[in-house]
């Protein structure tokens, strides 16, 4: 299972697409709110569907 920390993407302050060790990952306002409340939270990474042309990962569940 792939995991991502806030520091892995440079601790962004705005939603958007950021480079991670796994490729581009989409960071939403909700993701940032979790990291603001729990700076040590670790998210799982959701890979794009192999049936779509998308290549951007998303964040899934998190642990604190």
PDB file of N, CA and C in Angstrom:
ATOM      1  N   UNK A   1       0.845  -1.172   0.000  1.00  0.00           N
ATOM      2  CA  UNK A   1       0.000   0.000   0.000  1.00  0.00           C
ATOM      3  C   UNK A   1       0.896   1.242   0.000  1.00  0.00           C
ATOM      4  N   UNK A   2       0.600   2.147  -0.884  1.00  0.00           N
ATOM      5  CA  UNK A   2       1.379   3.382  -0.984  1.00  0.00           C
ATOM      6  C   UNK A   2       0.804   4.416  -0.019  1.00  0.00           C
ATOM      7  N   UNK A   3       1.697   5.150   0.638  1.00  0.00           N
ATOM      8  CA  UNK A   3       1.284   6.151   1.627  1.00  0.00           C
ATOM      9  C   UNK A   3       1.988   7.470   1.349  1.00  0.00           C
ATOM     10  N   UNK A   4       1.357   8.540   1.789  1.00  0.00           N
ATOM     11  CA  UNK A   4       1.903   9.866   1.523  1.00  0.00           C
ATOM     12  C   UNK A   4       1.788  10.742   2.766  1.00  0.00           C
ATOM     13  N   UNK A   5       2.875  11.417   3.086  1.00  0.00           N
ATOM     14  CA  UNK A   5       2.907  12.393   4.182  1.00  0.00           C
ATOM     15  C   UNK A   5       2.873  13.797   3.585  1.00  0.00           C
ATOM     16  N   UNK A   6       2.494  14.758   4.404  1.00  0.00           N
ATOM     17  CA  UNK A   6       2.430  16.160   3.996  1.00  0.00           C
ATOM     18  C   UNK A   6       3.783  16.622   3.461  1.00  0.00           C
ATOM     19  N   UNK A   7       4.842  16.224   4.125  1.00  0.00           N
ATOM     20  CA  UNK A   7       6.189  16.645   3.717  1.00  0.00           C
ATOM     21  C   UNK A   7       6.628  16.023   2.390  1.00  0.00           C
ATOM     22  N   UNK A   8       5.996  14.921   1.976  1.00  0.00           N
ATOM     23  CA  UNK A   8       6.359  14.264   0.714  1.00  0.00           C
ATOM     24  C   UNK A   8       6.028  15.115  -0.507  1.00  0.00           C
ATOM     25  N   UNK A   9       5.120  16.072  -0.332  1.00  0.00           N
ATOM     26  CA  UNK A   9       4.725  16.917  -1.465  1.00  0.00           C
ATOM     27  C   UNK A   9       5.051  18.386  -1.222  1.00  0.00           C
ATOM     28  N   UNK A  10       5.897  18.652  -0.251  1.00  0.00           N
ATOM     29  CA  UNK A  10       6.345  20.028  -0.021  1.00  0.00           C
ATOM     30  C   UNK A  10       5.427  20.884   0.829  1.00  0.00           C
ATOM     31  N   UNK A  11       4.497  20.263   1.557  1.00  0.00           N
ATOM     32  CA  UNK A  11       3.588  20.977   2.459  1.00  0.00           C
ATOM     33  C   UNK A  11       2.855  22.136   1.774  1.00  0.00           C
ATOM     34  N   UNK A  12       2.057  21.842   0.744  1.00  0.00           N
ATOM     35  CA  UNK A  12       1.366  22.909   0.013  1.00  0.00           C
ATOM     36  C   UNK A  12       0.305  23.603   0.868  1.00  0.00           C
ATOM     37  N   UNK A  13      -0.035  24.821   0.492  1.00  0.00           N
ATOM     38  CA  UNK A  13      -1.064  25.577   1.208  1.00  0.00           C
ATOM     39  C   UNK A  13      -2.327  25.763   0.372  1.00  0.00           C
ATOM     40  N   UNK A  14      -2.297  25.349  -0.878  1.00  0.00           N
ATOM     41  CA  UNK A  14      -3.435  25.495  -1.782  1.00  0.00           C
ATOM     42  C   UNK A  14      -3.755  24.152  -2.434  1.00  0.00           C
ATOM     43  N   UNK A  15      -5.041  23.904  -2.761  1.00  0.00           N
ATOM     44  CA  UNK A  15      -5.386  22.687  -3.494  1.00  0.00           C
ATOM     45  C   UNK A  15      -4.739  22.708  -4.879  1.00  0.00           C
ATOM     46  N   UNK A  16      -4.534  21.552  -5.445  1.00  0.00           N
ATOM     47  CA  UNK A  16      -3.957  21.472  -6.781  1.00  0.00           C
ATOM     48  C   UNK A  16      -3.256  20.151  -7.002  1.00  0.00           C
ATOM     49  N   UNK A  17      -2.483  20.089  -8.069  1.00  0.00           N
ATOM     50  CA  UNK A  17      -1.729  18.891  -8.411  1.00  0.00           C
ATOM     51  C   UNK A  17      -0.277  19.098  -8.006  1.00  0.00           C
ATOM     52  N   UNK A  18       0.250  18.115  -7.283  1.00  0.00           N
ATOM     53  CA  UNK A  18       1.612  18.215  -6.776  1.00  0.00           C
ATOM     54  C   UNK A  18       2.386  16.949  -7.086  1.00  0.00           C
ATOM     55  N   UNK A  19       3.675  17.124  -7.318  1.00  0.00           N
ATOM     56  CA  UNK A  19       4.549  15.990  -7.595  1.00  0.00           C
ATOM     57  C   UNK A  19       4.839  15.262  -6.289  1.00  0.00           C
ATOM     58  N   UNK A  20       4.722  13.938  -6.339  1.00  0.00           N
ATOM     59  CA  UNK A  20       5.007  13.090  -5.182  1.00  0.00           C
ATOM     60  C   UNK A  20       5.948  11.975  -5.628  1.00  0.00           C
ATOM     61  N   UNK A  21       6.419  11.161  -4.704  1.00  0.00           N
ATOM     62  CA  UNK A  21       7.273  10.031  -5.096  1.00  0.00           C
ATOM     63  C   UNK A  21       6.558   9.046  -6.029  1.00  0.00           C
ATOM     64  N   UNK A  22       5.223   9.106  -6.097  1.00  0.00           N
ATOM     65  CA  UNK A  22       4.444   8.176  -6.918  1.00  0.00           C
ATOM     66  C   UNK A  22       3.997   8.773  -8.243  1.00  0.00           C
ATOM     67  N   UNK A  23       4.207  10.057  -8.439  1.00  0.00           N
ATOM     68  CA  UNK A  23       3.734  10.771  -9.622  1.00  0.00           C
ATOM     69  C   UNK A  23       2.892  11.954  -9.172  1.00  0.00           C
ATOM     70  N   UNK A  24       2.115  12.512 -10.085  1.00  0.00           N
ATOM     71  CA  UNK A  24       1.256  13.645  -9.719  1.00  0.00           C
ATOM     72  C   UNK A  24       0.106  13.181  -8.841  1.00  0.00           C
ATOM     73  N   UNK A  25      -0.183  13.961  -7.816  1.00  0.00           N
ATOM     74  CA  UNK A  25      -1.295  13.653  -6.913  1.00  0.00           C
ATOM     75  C   UNK A  25      -2.156  14.905  -6.765  1.00  0.00           C
ATOM     76  N   UNK A  26      -3.470  14.701  -6.796  1.00  0.00           N
ATOM     77  CA  UNK A  26      -4.435  15.795  -6.646  1.00  0.00           C
ATOM     78  C   UNK A  26      -4.698  16.010  -5.156  1.00  0.00           C
ATOM     79  N   UNK A  27      -4.492  17.239  -4.686  1.00  0.00           N
ATOM     80  CA  UNK A  27      -4.719  17.593  -3.290  1.00  0.00           C
ATOM     81  C   UNK A  27      -5.926  18.525  -3.231  1.00  0.00           C
ATOM     82  N   UNK A  28      -6.925  18.149  -2.429  1.00  0.00           N
ATOM     83  CA  UNK A  28      -8.149  18.944  -2.308  1.00  0.00           C
ATOM     84  C   UNK A  28      -8.114  19.803  -1.044  1.00  0.00           C
ATOM     85  N   UNK A  29      -9.084  20.692  -0.931  1.00  0.00           N
ATOM     86  CA  UNK A  29      -9.211  21.512   0.283  1.00  0.00           C
ATOM     87  C   UNK A  29      -9.426  20.621   1.511  1.00  0.00           C
ATOM     88  N   UNK A  30     -10.207  19.552   1.340  1.00  0.00           N
ATOM     89  CA  UNK A  30     -10.449  18.643   2.463  1.00  0.00           C
ATOM     90  C   UNK A  30      -9.163  17.953   2.906  1.00  0.00           C
ATOM     91  N   UNK A  31      -8.330  17.551   1.949  1.00  0.00           N
ATOM     92  CA  UNK A  31      -7.040  16.932   2.287  1.00  0.00           C
ATOM     93  C   UNK A  31      -6.199  17.909   3.103  1.00  0.00           C
ATOM     94  N   UNK A  32      -6.164  19.161   2.658  1.00  0.00           N
ATOM     95  CA  UNK A  32      -5.383  20.178   3.364  1.00  0.00           C
ATOM     96  C   UNK A  32      -5.937  20.436   4.765  1.00  0.00           C
ATOM     97  N   UNK A  33      -7.264  20.380   4.913  1.00  0.00           N
ATOM     98  CA  UNK A  33      -7.873  20.582   6.230  1.00  0.00           C
ATOM     99  C   UNK A  33      -7.454  19.473   7.194  1.00  0.00           C
ATOM    100  N   UNK A  34      -7.394  18.242   6.695  1.00  0.00           N
ATOM    101  CA  UNK A  34      -6.938  17.130   7.537  1.00  0.00           C
ATOM    102  C   UNK A  34      -5.500  17.373   7.965  1.00  0.00           C
ATOM    103  N   UNK A  35      -4.643  17.731   7.022  1.00  0.00           N
ATOM    104  CA  UNK A  35      -3.240  17.959   7.351  1.00  0.00           C
ATOM    105  C   UNK A  35      -3.055  19.151   8.289  1.00  0.00           C
ATOM    106  N   UNK A  36      -3.922  20.145   8.182  1.00  0.00           N
ATOM    107  CA  UNK A  36      -3.821  21.286   9.097  1.00  0.00           C
ATOM    108  C   UNK A  36      -4.176  20.850  10.522  1.00  0.00           C
ATOM    109  N   UNK A  37      -5.211  20.023  10.643  1.00  0.00           N
ATOM    110  CA  UNK A  37      -5.636  19.543  11.956  1.00  0.00           C
ATOM    111  C   UNK A  37      -4.700  18.472  12.510  1.00  0.00           C
ATOM    112  N   UNK A  38      -4.164  17.640  11.612  1.00  0.00           N
ATOM    113  CA  UNK A  38      -3.296  16.520  12.009  1.00  0.00           C
ATOM    114  C   UNK A  38      -2.058  16.509  11.114  1.00  0.00           C
ATOM    115  N   UNK A  39      -1.058  17.328  11.401  1.00  0.00           N
ATOM    116  CA  UNK A  39       0.116  17.456  10.528  1.00  0.00           C
ATOM    117  C   UNK A  39       0.872  16.151  10.277  1.00  0.00           C
ATOM    118  N   UNK A  40       0.726  15.182  11.170  1.00  0.00           N
ATOM    119  CA  UNK A  40       1.423  13.905  10.995  1.00  0.00           C
ATOM    120  C   UNK A  40       0.558  12.843  10.320  1.00  0.00           C
ATOM    121  N   UNK A  41      -0.635  13.222   9.849  1.00  0.00           N
ATOM    122  CA  UNK A  41      -1.516  12.256   9.187  1.00  0.00           C
ATOM    123  C   UNK A  41      -0.830  11.673   7.951  1.00  0.00           C
ATOM    124  N   UNK A  42      -1.101  10.393   7.712  1.00  0.00           N
ATOM    125  CA  UNK A  42      -0.546   9.694   6.550  1.00  0.00           C
ATOM    126  C   UNK A  42      -1.717   9.189   5.713  1.00  0.00           C
ATOM    127  N   UNK A  43      -1.781   9.616   4.450  1.00  0.00           N
ATOM    128  CA  UNK A  43      -2.844   9.206   3.538  1.00  0.00           C
ATOM    129  C   UNK A  43      -2.416   8.001   2.705  1.00  0.00           C
ATOM    130  N   UNK A  44      -3.394   7.177   2.345  1.00  0.00           N
ATOM    131  CA  UNK A  44      -3.135   6.155   1.335  1.00  0.00           C
ATOM    132  C   UNK A  44      -3.293   6.819  -0.030  1.00  0.00           C
ATOM    133  N   UNK A  45      -2.660   6.237  -1.029  1.00  0.00           N
ATOM    134  CA  UNK A  45      -2.712   6.767  -2.393  1.00  0.00           C
ATOM    135  C   UNK A  45      -3.648   5.900  -3.229  1.00  0.00           C
ATOM    136  N   UNK A  46      -4.550   6.528  -3.967  1.00  0.00           N
ATOM    137  CA  UNK A  46      -5.450   5.815  -4.869  1.00  0.00           C
ATOM    138  C   UNK A  46      -4.943   6.020  -6.289  1.00  0.00           C
ATOM    139  N   UNK A  47      -4.601   4.925  -6.929  1.00  0.00           N
ATOM    140  CA  UNK A  47      -4.092   4.985  -8.305  1.00  0.00           C
ATOM    141  C   UNK A  47      -5.238   5.273  -9.268  1.00  0.00           C
ATOM    142  N   UNK A  48      -4.939   5.942 -10.376  1.00  0.00           N
ATOM    143  CA  UNK A  48      -5.971   6.178 -11.388  1.00  0.00           C
ATOM    144  C   UNK A  48      -6.423   4.857 -12.001  1.00  0.00           C
ATOM    145  N   UNK A  49      -7.643   4.833 -12.489  1.00  0.00           N
ATOM    146  CA  UNK A  49      -8.173   3.629 -13.129  1.00  0.00           C
ATOM    147  C   UNK A  49      -7.358   3.286 -14.368  1.00  0.00           C
ATOM    148  N   UNK A  50      -7.030   2.012 -14.546  1.00  0.00           N
ATOM    149  CA  UNK A  50      -6.295   1.624 -15.754  1.00  0.00           C
ATOM    150  C   UNK A  50      -7.150   1.751 -17.020  1.00  0.00           C
ATOM    151  N   UNK A  51      -8.469   1.939 -16.848  1.00  0.00           N
ATOM    152  CA  UNK A  51      -9.372   2.049 -17.990  1.00  0.00           C
ATOM    153  C   UNK A  51      -9.557   3.489 -18.466  1.00  0.00           C
ATOM    154  N   UNK A  52      -8.991   4.427 -17.740  1.00  0.00           N
ATOM    155  CA  UNK A  52      -9.082   5.837 -18.114  1.00  0.00           C
ATOM    156  C   UNK A  52      -7.708   6.345 -18.510  1.00  0.00           C
ATOM    157  N   UNK A  53      -7.678   7.455 -19.187  1.00  0.00           N
ATOM    158  CA  UNK A  53      -6.389   8.022 -19.590  1.00  0.00           C
ATOM    159  C   UNK A  53      -5.774   8.880 -18.478  1.00  0.00           C
ATOM    160  N   UNK A  54      -6.472   9.009 -17.345  1.00  0.00           N
ATOM    161  CA  UNK A  54      -5.972   9.821 -16.232  1.00  0.00           C
ATOM    162  C   UNK A  54      -4.688   9.232 -15.660  1.00  0.00           C
ATOM    163  N   UNK A  55      -3.778  10.101 -15.280  1.00  0.00           N
ATOM    164  CA  UNK A  55      -2.515   9.651 -14.684  1.00  0.00           C
ATOM    165  C   UNK A  55      -2.259  10.322 -13.341  1.00  0.00           C
ATOM    166  N   UNK A  56      -3.287  10.931 -12.777  1.00  0.00           N
ATOM    167  CA  UNK A  56      -3.126  11.667 -11.525  1.00  0.00           C
ATOM    168  C   UNK A  56      -3.698  10.839 -10.376  1.00  0.00           C
ATOM    169  N   UNK A  57      -2.893  10.661  -9.339  1.00  0.00           N
ATOM    170  CA  UNK A  57      -3.313   9.914  -8.166  1.00  0.00           C
ATOM    171  C   UNK A  57      -4.183  10.793  -7.279  1.00  0.00           C
ATOM    172  N   UNK A  58      -4.965  10.157  -6.402  1.00  0.00           N
ATOM    173  CA  UNK A  58      -5.780  10.871  -5.416  1.00  0.00           C
ATOM    174  C   UNK A  58      -5.442  10.327  -4.035  1.00  0.00           C
ATOM    175  N   UNK A  59      -5.827  11.073  -3.011  1.00  0.00           N
ATOM    176  CA  UNK A  59      -5.620  10.610  -1.648  1.00  0.00           C
ATOM    177  C   UNK A  59      -6.853   9.859  -1.177  1.00  0.00           C
ATOM    178  N   UNK A  60      -6.623   8.810  -0.401  1.00  0.00           N
ATOM    179  CA  UNK A  60      -7.713   8.003   0.133  1.00  0.00           C
ATOM    180  C   UNK A  60      -7.866   8.227   1.625  1.00  0.00           C
ATOM    181  N   UNK A  61      -7.973   7.133   2.364  1.00  0.00           N
ATOM    182  CA  UNK A  61      -8.129   7.220   3.811  1.00  0.00           C
ATOM    183  C   UNK A  61      -6.834   7.678   4.461  1.00  0.00           C
ATOM    184  N   UNK A  62      -6.939   8.078   5.718  1.00  0.00           N
ATOM    185  CA  UNK A  62      -5.736   8.543   6.411  1.00  0.00           C
ATOM    186  C   UNK A  62      -5.690   7.998   7.828  1.00  0.00           C
ATOM    187  N   UNK A  63      -4.482   7.978   8.375  1.00  0.00           N
ATOM    188  CA  UNK A  63      -4.233   7.600   9.768  1.00  0.00           C
ATOM    189  C   UNK A  63      -3.625   8.799  10.476  1.00  0.00           C
ATOM    190  N   UNK A  64      -3.938   8.935  11.758  1.00  0.00           N
ATOM    191  CA  UNK A  64      -3.314  10.011  12.540  1.00  0.00           C
ATOM    192  C   UNK A  64      -2.397   9.434  13.600  1.00  0.00           C
TER     193      UNK A  64
END
